Structure formats: structure tokens, C-alpha cells
Amino acid sequence: MNNHFIAIFVGVIMPFIGTTLGACVVLLFKNKINEKFNKVFLGFSSGVMIAASCWSLIIPSIEMAEEQGIIAWLPACIGILIGSFFIPICDKFIKYQKDNLYLAITLHNIPEGIAVGVALASALYGDFETAIIPALILSMGIAIQNFPEGAAVSLPLRSRGMSVKKAFGLGVLSGVVEPIASCITLAFSFILEPMLPYLLAFAAGAMIFVVVEELVPAFKGEKLGTYALVIGFIIMMILDVALG
């Protein structure tokens, strides 16, 4: 049981650590990271997130639906569609402005936190030893993706004249919503167990939307970013298939 708790804790906290490490960049750079490097990292993160959505969320959703005697592809389709509408609906609900990057990144961290919580919950209600590895790989993939996000929050704030400490602190705070969302999802997982196939796909749909809407346009036109996407996808796929 203690080992289970440690694994769950690591899965919950890892994405937040990724954001925190990204925010630390403001301590090293005055205003911004090298643009080409940033585009490559965004491309790599996009590949990681797409692969994580497929292998750690969509495929487990299909397998779980089969175990529940549901049409295998139905929960995945429904969840992905709802997840893809989640971000734009939230954007409108809170009157999100396109230039408010801090708010955008904080908002987009919510479905990522839900994704980790759902993946960890699926391990709790299934074969823990088998399911926990893909869940931890998903958490690690999100942590990698969160690194440039943490930097993308803290550096612009610093460039606008905010103190290093405050810019770093707000960068860290932008990632706090992820472990909170993960813990809330886990807390209600006993109620949500029948809905897990839908929730896994929902998280995948939301993350794919973020990749296409936010990350890809940020490195569009940079071939190295595109190659990095492919490499990120391959690495994440290998990790998930080999270890999961």
C-alpha cells in the first residue's frame, strides 16, 4: 500500500515539478530564451503530448470500455469530442483574452491535471502494477511539456518589469492547478469509475486541442520544431509501449 501511495504521489506531483523547473528559467535569462531553442522544445513537447494522448489515454479508454462491455470506440469518440470543446468553452466563460498568456496556460493545465488523475485512478481500479507505468509515463510526458509553459509564464512577466521573485512565483503558481485537479479527480474516482473510459478520452481530446491550437502555431515555420515533434512522439511511444 505504501508503494502505491508513493507511486500516486509521484504521478500527481511530477507535472508541477516540470512547471516549476520551467519557471526557474527566469533566474537564468533576463527576458527570453533563444527563439529557435524555444520552438524546438515546443515541437518536442507537442510530440510527447500527442503520443501520450494516444497510448496513455485513448488506448486505455478503448480497452476499459471493452472490459465494461461497452462498444469499444464509443466512449473514446464521445470523450475526445467533449474534451476538444472544453478549452474554447472555458475560454469564453471566463472571457479569456488572447494576449493573456498566464490565464491561458493556467486554464490549459486543468485538463492535464484531470488526465493524470484519471490515469492514476484507472490504475487504482485495475491491475495496479500494470496500469501505473503508463500513468507515470503520462505524468512524465506532461512534466516535459510543462517546462516551456513555466518559462512562457515567468519570462514575459519579467520582461514587463516584474521582479524576478514575483515572476518566478507566478510561473510556479500557474502549475498548482494540475496537482489540485489530479487530487480532486482521484478523490471522486470511486464515483467516476464507470465513467473512466470517457474521462480518459476527454483528457486526450483537451490535450490534443491545446497542442493544435496553442503549441503547433508557436513553432510553425520552424522545421527543427517539426522534426522535434516527430522525435518527441517516437520517444514517448517507445517509453509507453516498452515500459507499459
Protein backbone atom coordinates (compact mmCIF):
# COMPACT_ATOMS: atom_id res chain seq x y z
CA MET A 1 0.00 0.00 0.00
CA ASN A 2 2.85 2.38 0.85
CA ASN A 3 4.40 1.74 -2.55
CA HIS A 4 1.05 2.50 -4.16
CA PHE A 5 0.82 5.80 -2.27
CA ILE A 6 4.35 6.78 -3.30
CA ALA A 7 3.62 6.00 -6.95
CA ILE A 8 0.39 8.01 -6.85
CA PHE A 9 2.16 10.93 -5.17
CA VAL A 10 4.95 10.92 -7.76
CA GLY A 11 2.39 10.85 -10.57
CA VAL A 12 0.48 13.78 -9.10
CA ILE A 13 3.47 16.00 -8.35
CA MET A 14 5.63 15.38 -11.44
CA PRO A 15 3.83 17.81 -13.80
CA PHE A 16 4.04 20.55 -11.16
CA ILE A 17 7.80 19.96 -10.90
CA GLY A 18 8.06 20.39 -14.67
CA THR A 19 6.30 23.76 -14.47
CA THR A 20 8.49 24.84 -11.55
CA LEU A 21 11.69 23.95 -13.39
CA GLY A 22 10.45 25.91 -16.40
CA ALA A 23 9.74 28.93 -14.21
CA CYS A 24 13.33 28.68 -12.92
CA VAL A 25 14.49 29.79 -16.37
CA VAL A 26 13.64 33.36 -15.35
CA LEU A 27 16.51 33.14 -12.86
CA LEU A 28 18.95 32.49 -15.71
CA PHE A 29 17.62 34.68 -18.53
CA LYS A 30 16.64 38.33 -18.26
CA ASN A 31 13.92 38.45 -20.88
CA LYS A 32 13.60 35.45 -23.19
CA ILE A 33 15.01 32.13 -24.28
CA ASN A 34 16.64 31.69 -27.66
CA GLU A 35 13.71 31.64 -30.10
CA LYS A 36 14.90 28.65 -32.10
CA PHE A 37 15.53 26.61 -28.95
CA ASN A 38 12.07 27.50 -27.67
CA LYS A 39 10.43 26.38 -30.93
CA VAL A 40 12.31 23.08 -30.87
CA PHE A 41 11.24 22.47 -27.27
CA LEU A 42 7.62 23.34 -28.09
CA GLY A 43 7.75 20.91 -31.02
CA PHE A 44 9.19 18.16 -28.83
CA SER A 45 6.52 18.82 -26.19
CA SER A 46 3.80 18.61 -28.85
CA GLY A 47 5.02 15.21 -29.98
CA VAL A 48 5.16 13.97 -26.41
CA MET A 49 1.60 15.15 -25.71
CA ILE A 50 0.15 13.62 -28.88
CA ALA A 51 1.80 10.26 -28.15
CA ALA A 52 0.69 10.43 -24.51
CA SER A 53 -2.87 11.14 -25.63
CA CYS A 54 -2.85 8.06 -27.88
CA TRP A 55 -1.03 5.46 -25.79
CA SER A 56 -1.74 6.59 -22.23
CA LEU A 57 -5.32 7.84 -22.64
CA ILE A 58 -7.17 6.80 -25.81
CA ILE A 59 -5.97 3.18 -26.00
CA PRO A 60 -6.63 2.58 -22.25
CA SER A 61 -10.07 4.16 -22.77
CA ILE A 62 -10.86 1.66 -25.53
CA GLU A 63 -9.54 -1.28 -23.52
CA MET A 64 -11.50 -0.23 -20.43
CA ALA A 65 -14.69 0.13 -22.49
CA GLU A 66 -14.23 -3.41 -23.80
CA GLU A 67 -13.86 -4.69 -20.23
CA GLN A 68 -17.11 -2.92 -19.28
CA GLY A 69 -18.93 -4.49 -22.22
CA ILE A 70 -19.41 -1.14 -23.98
CA ILE A 71 -18.87 -0.56 -27.70
CA ALA A 72 -15.09 -0.12 -27.63
CA TRP A 73 -14.80 3.05 -29.70
CA LEU A 74 -17.88 4.84 -28.37
CA PRO A 75 -16.53 6.31 -25.08
CA ALA A 76 -13.32 7.33 -26.85
CA CYS A 77 -15.21 9.22 -29.56
CA ILE A 78 -17.57 10.92 -27.10
CA GLY A 79 -14.78 11.82 -24.67
CA ILE A 80 -12.47 13.23 -27.36
CA LEU A 81 -15.26 15.39 -28.80
CA ILE A 82 -16.25 16.78 -25.40
CA GLY A 83 -12.61 17.33 -24.45
CA SER A 84 -11.92 19.24 -27.65
CA PHE A 85 -14.74 21.66 -26.81
CA PHE A 86 -13.70 22.07 -23.18
CA ILE A 87 -10.91 24.62 -23.65
CA PRO A 88 -12.74 27.04 -26.01
CA ILE A 89 -15.88 26.89 -23.84
CA CYS A 90 -13.84 27.74 -20.75
CA ASP A 91 -12.07 30.49 -22.67
CA LYS A 92 -15.39 32.14 -23.43
CA PHE A 93 -16.83 31.53 -19.99
CA ILE A 94 -14.05 33.42 -18.22
CA LYS A 95 -13.78 35.99 -21.02
CA TYR A 96 -10.25 34.92 -21.78
CA GLN A 97 -8.28 37.42 -23.87
CA LYS A 98 -5.82 36.04 -26.40
CA ASP A 99 -2.95 38.14 -25.04
CA ASN A 100 -3.38 36.83 -21.50
CA LEU A 101 -0.88 34.00 -21.72
CA TYR A 102 -0.78 33.47 -17.96
CA LEU A 103 -4.51 32.81 -17.78
CA ALA A 104 -4.41 30.64 -20.90
CA ILE A 105 -1.65 28.36 -19.61
CA THR A 106 -3.23 28.10 -16.16
CA LEU A 107 -6.55 27.14 -17.74
CA HIS A 108 -4.94 24.57 -20.03
CA ASN A 109 -3.26 22.92 -17.05
CA ILE A 110 -6.64 21.84 -15.67
CA PRO A 111 -7.38 19.07 -18.21
CA GLU A 112 -3.77 17.92 -17.92
CA GLY A 113 -4.26 17.54 -14.17
CA ILE A 114 -7.51 15.68 -14.81
CA ALA A 115 -5.69 13.44 -17.28
CA VAL A 116 -3.12 12.43 -14.67
CA GLY A 117 -5.82 11.90 -12.04
CA VAL A 118 -7.88 9.72 -14.37
CA ALA A 119 -4.86 7.66 -15.42
CA LEU A 120 -3.88 7.10 -11.80
CA ALA A 121 -7.48 6.24 -10.91
CA SER A 122 -7.57 3.65 -13.69
CA ALA A 123 -4.54 2.04 -12.03
CA LEU A 124 -6.28 2.01 -8.65
CA TYR A 125 -9.34 0.25 -10.08
CA GLY A 126 -7.44 -2.14 -12.31
CA ASP A 127 -4.21 -4.12 -12.27
CA PHE A 128 -2.13 -1.55 -10.39
CA GLU A 129 1.28 -2.95 -11.26
CA THR A 130 0.42 -2.94 -14.97
CA ALA A 131 -1.56 0.30 -15.22
CA ILE A 132 0.63 2.50 -13.02
CA ILE A 133 3.52 2.53 -15.52
CA PRO A 134 1.52 4.16 -18.37
CA ALA A 135 0.05 6.59 -15.83
CA LEU A 136 3.52 7.63 -14.63
CA ILE A 137 4.76 7.89 -18.22
CA LEU A 138 1.83 10.19 -18.99
CA SER A 139 2.70 12.28 -15.93
CA MET A 140 6.32 12.47 -17.06
CA GLY A 141 5.26 13.49 -20.57
CA ILE A 142 3.10 16.29 -19.20
CA ALA A 143 6.00 17.38 -16.97
CA ILE A 144 8.23 17.67 -20.05
CA GLN A 145 5.54 19.67 -21.82
CA ASN A 146 5.13 21.93 -18.78
CA PHE A 147 8.76 23.05 -18.80
CA PRO A 148 8.38 25.56 -21.66
CA GLU A 149 5.00 26.59 -20.25
CA GLY A 150 6.57 27.56 -16.94
CA ALA A 151 9.15 29.62 -18.83
CA ALA A 152 6.45 31.09 -21.07
CA VAL A 153 4.71 32.47 -17.97
CA SER A 154 7.67 33.78 -15.97
CA LEU A 155 9.81 35.31 -18.74
CA PRO A 156 7.16 37.65 -20.23
CA LEU A 157 6.23 38.83 -16.73
CA ARG A 158 9.89 39.60 -16.06
CA SER A 159 10.26 41.43 -19.37
CA ARG A 160 7.36 43.71 -18.36
CA GLY A 161 9.30 44.90 -15.33
CA MET A 162 8.11 42.45 -12.68
CA SER A 163 10.71 41.36 -10.12
CA VAL A 164 12.47 38.04 -10.66
CA LYS A 165 11.00 36.56 -7.48
CA LYS A 166 7.43 37.55 -8.35
CA ALA A 167 7.74 36.37 -11.97
CA PHE A 168 9.13 33.06 -10.74
CA GLY A 169 6.37 32.75 -8.12
CA LEU A 170 3.57 33.33 -10.63
CA GLY A 171 5.19 30.85 -13.01
CA VAL A 172 5.12 28.24 -10.26
CA LEU A 173 1.54 29.11 -9.28
CA SER A 174 0.36 28.57 -12.87
CA GLY A 175 1.15 24.88 -12.38
CA VAL A 176 -0.51 24.47 -8.97
CA VAL A 177 -3.88 23.78 -10.61
CA GLU A 178 -2.56 20.49 -12.02
CA PRO A 179 -1.97 18.58 -8.76
CA ILE A 180 -5.19 20.12 -7.40
CA ALA A 181 -7.15 18.86 -10.41
CA SER A 182 -5.45 15.46 -10.13
CA CYS A 183 -6.28 15.15 -6.42
CA ILE A 184 -9.92 16.18 -6.93
CA THR A 185 -10.26 13.61 -9.72
CA LEU A 186 -8.72 10.92 -7.52
CA ALA A 187 -10.93 11.89 -4.57
CA PHE A 188 -14.08 11.31 -6.61
CA SER A 189 -12.72 8.39 -8.62
CA PHE A 190 -14.86 5.88 -6.70
CA ILE A 191 -17.94 7.67 -8.07
CA LEU A 192 -16.43 8.22 -11.51
CA GLU A 193 -15.18 4.65 -12.02
CA PRO A 194 -17.85 3.75 -14.63
CA MET A 195 -17.02 7.00 -16.44
CA LEU A 196 -13.27 6.41 -16.62
CA PRO A 197 -13.25 5.41 -20.34
CA TYR A 198 -15.00 8.68 -21.17
CA LEU A 199 -12.78 10.74 -18.86
CA LEU A 200 -9.58 9.29 -20.28
CA ALA A 201 -10.69 10.23 -23.78
CA PHE A 202 -11.92 13.63 -22.56
CA ALA A 203 -8.43 14.42 -21.26
CA ALA A 204 -6.92 13.25 -24.55
CA GLY A 205 -9.27 15.46 -26.57
CA ALA A 206 -8.47 18.51 -24.44
CA MET A 207 -4.72 17.96 -24.71
CA ILE A 208 -4.82 17.39 -28.47
CA PHE A 209 -6.79 20.62 -28.83
CA VAL A 210 -4.14 22.52 -26.84
CA VAL A 211 -1.36 21.07 -28.99
CA VAL A 212 -3.04 22.04 -32.26
CA GLU A 213 -4.41 25.39 -31.09
CA GLU A 214 -1.53 26.68 -28.97
CA LEU A 215 1.73 24.74 -29.33
CA VAL A 216 1.92 23.99 -33.06
CA PRO A 217 1.27 27.62 -34.14
CA ALA A 218 4.05 28.71 -31.77
CA PHE A 219 6.72 26.83 -33.76
CA LYS A 220 5.03 26.84 -37.18
CA GLY A 221 7.53 27.52 -39.96
CA GLU A 222 10.46 26.11 -37.98
CA LYS A 223 11.44 22.76 -39.50
CA LEU A 224 13.51 21.86 -36.45
CA GLY A 225 10.33 22.26 -34.38
CA THR A 226 8.52 19.84 -36.69
CA TYR A 227 11.35 17.30 -36.50
CA ALA A 228 11.36 17.72 -32.73
CA LEU A 229 7.62 16.91 -32.71
CA VAL A 230 8.30 13.65 -34.53
CA ILE A 231 11.17 12.78 -32.19
CA GLY A 232 9.07 13.61 -29.12
CA PHE A 233 6.26 11.41 -30.41
CA ILE A 234 8.62 8.50 -31.09
CA ILE A 235 10.34 8.72 -27.69
CA MET A 236 7.05 8.88 -25.82
CA MET A 237 5.66 5.99 -27.87
CA ILE A 238 8.73 3.84 -27.14
CA LEU A 239 8.56 4.60 -23.42
CA ASP A 240 4.87 3.81 -23.23
CA VAL A 241 4.99 0.62 -25.32
CA ALA A 242 8.26 -0.70 -23.87
CA LEU A 243 7.51 0.04 -20.22
CA GLY A 244 3.72 -0.20 -20.28
